[in-house]
Protein backbone atom coordinates (compact mmCIF):
# COMPACT_ATOMS: atom_id res chain seq x y z
CA MET A 1 0.14 0.19 0.26
CA PHE A 2 1.01 3.56 -0.71
CA ILE A 3 0.50 6.76 0.98
CA LYS A 4 0.56 10.17 -0.95
CA ILE A 5 2.13 13.07 0.20
CA ASN A 6 0.55 15.92 -1.51
CA LYS A 7 2.25 19.50 -2.24
CA ASN A 8 1.74 21.67 0.32
CA SER A 9 3.38 24.14 1.76
CA GLY A 10 3.44 23.52 5.66
CA ILE A 11 5.11 20.11 4.78
CA TYR A 12 8.35 19.82 4.91
CA MET A 13 10.73 16.48 4.99
CA GLU A 14 14.15 15.39 6.34
CA HIS A 15 15.94 12.34 5.57
CA ASN A 16 19.25 10.80 5.50
CA GLY A 17 20.42 11.60 2.02
CA LEU A 18 20.53 15.09 3.52
CA GLU A 19 23.34 16.72 5.66
CA LYS A 20 22.03 17.10 9.46
CA GLN A 21 19.64 19.51 10.37
CA ARG A 22 18.12 20.41 6.84
CA LEU A 23 14.62 20.27 5.96
CA VAL A 24 13.19 20.50 2.46
CA PRO A 25 9.67 21.86 1.29
CA VAL A 26 7.37 19.43 -0.26
CA SER A 27 7.17 20.85 -3.42
CA SER A 28 6.06 18.30 -5.31
CA ASN A 29 3.51 15.04 -4.44
CA PHE A 30 5.04 11.88 -3.95
CA LEU A 31 4.31 7.98 -2.86
CA ILE A 32 5.97 5.99 0.04
CA ASN A 33 5.37 2.62 -0.16
CA LEU A 34 4.40 1.74 3.21
CA ASN A 35 5.39 -2.24 2.66
CA HIS A 36 9.16 -0.82 2.91
CA VAL A 37 8.53 0.79 6.07
CA ALA A 38 9.72 -1.04 9.00
CA GLU A 39 8.68 1.41 11.91
CA VAL A 40 6.43 4.50 12.09
CA SER A 41 6.81 7.04 14.94
CA PHE A 42 4.27 9.98 15.35
CA TYR A 43 5.09 13.00 17.58
CA SER A 44 4.92 16.53 18.00
CA ILE A 45 7.92 19.35 18.42
CA LYS A 46 7.85 20.58 21.93
CA GLU A 47 10.00 23.40 21.83
CA SER A 48 11.44 25.69 19.09
CA LYS A 49 14.27 24.04 16.74
CA THR A 50 16.34 25.89 14.24
CA ARG A 51 17.19 24.15 11.04
CA TYR A 52 17.98 24.92 7.77
CA ASP A 53 17.21 25.22 3.93
CA LEU A 54 19.24 23.47 1.31
CA GLU A 55 20.60 27.08 0.67
CA ASN A 56 22.01 27.25 4.26
CA HIS A 57 19.39 29.92 5.50
CA PRO A 58 18.07 29.14 9.05
CA PHE A 59 14.47 28.89 9.97
CA THR A 60 12.35 27.81 13.06
CA VAL A 61 10.31 24.74 13.37
CA GLN A 62 7.24 26.14 15.65
CA PRO A 63 6.26 24.02 18.68
CA ASN A 64 3.14 21.54 17.85
CA THR A 65 4.66 21.04 14.62
CA ARG A 66 3.41 17.38 14.32
CA VAL A 67 6.22 14.81 12.92
CA ILE A 68 5.56 11.57 11.16
CA HIS A 69 8.80 9.72 11.41
CA LEU A 70 8.96 6.76 9.06
CA GLN A 71 11.97 4.04 9.21
CA MET A 72 12.73 1.81 6.50
CA SER A 73 13.56 -1.67 5.92
CA TYR A 74 16.76 -3.24 6.17
CA LEU A 75 16.72 -3.42 2.23
CA TYR A 76 17.19 0.22 2.16
CA ALA A 77 19.95 0.79 3.95
CA THR A 78 23.67 1.49 3.97
CA TYR A 79 26.65 -0.47 5.43
CA LYS A 80 29.93 0.69 6.58
CA GLU A 81 32.35 -1.99 6.91
CA THR A 82 34.55 -0.43 9.33
CA ILE A 83 33.49 1.88 12.79
CA GLN A 84 36.10 4.19 13.75
CA GLY A 85 39.14 2.02 12.52
CA SER A 86 37.99 -1.32 13.91
CA LYS A 87 36.01 -3.46 12.01
CA GLY A 88 32.60 -3.97 12.15
CA ARG A 89 29.48 -3.29 10.52
CA LEU A 90 27.15 -0.14 11.06
CA VAL A 91 23.91 -0.44 9.30
CA ASP A 92 22.39 2.80 8.70
CA ARG A 93 18.48 2.83 7.57
CA GLY A 94 16.51 5.07 5.38
CA TYR A 95 14.14 7.29 6.50
CA TYR A 96 11.99 10.09 6.07
CA LYS A 97 10.59 12.84 8.72
CA LEU A 98 7.32 14.64 7.40
CA TYR A 99 7.25 17.74 9.44
CA PHE A 100 3.71 19.21 9.46
CA MET A 101 3.67 22.91 10.41
CA PRO A 102 0.79 23.85 12.54
CA GLU A 103 -0.66 26.19 9.89
CA GLU A 104 -0.80 22.97 8.25
CA THR A 105 -4.55 21.35 7.58
CA GLY A 106 -5.55 18.02 7.24
CA GLN A 107 -2.65 16.04 5.61
CA TYR A 108 -1.37 15.27 8.66
CA ASP A 109 -4.70 13.46 10.17
CA ALA A 110 -5.17 11.61 6.89
CA ILE A 111 -2.00 10.07 6.59
CA ARG A 112 -2.10 9.13 10.33
CA SER A 113 -5.66 7.54 9.95
CA GLN A 114 -4.84 5.72 6.81
CA ILE A 115 -1.25 4.18 8.65
CA GLU A 116 -3.07 3.43 12.26
CA ALA A 117 -6.08 1.72 9.80
CA LEU A 118 -3.16 -0.83 8.83
CA THR A 119 -2.11 -1.40 12.64
CA LEU A 120 -3.39 -4.26 14.17
CA ASN A 121 -3.44 -3.73 17.85
CA THR A 122 -3.60 -6.73 19.95
């Protein structure tokens, strides 16, 4: 099953293909295949945080910004053969964080309800 993220000025995205603390606006529609998602978290930002766009301009993520964190399965991971000079294997799974700013209306609730509809509570 796919979830569709619609282009919206109130939604930003972070993923591990970007530098740390970088957010990009969702400027086109895209789909995420939920069959490749291993973990999902829902939470809200409690205090202001400074993040940066791709041109290194700072902006503030406001309190009450809602986040959907999608951690992808191990098929979508990169591996490092050495960790700080010693042998080992570090697995860095792909992730997407969708930031729904407080002024964004509707998509967060729609996406969350679709994900929760697929969740079995025992």
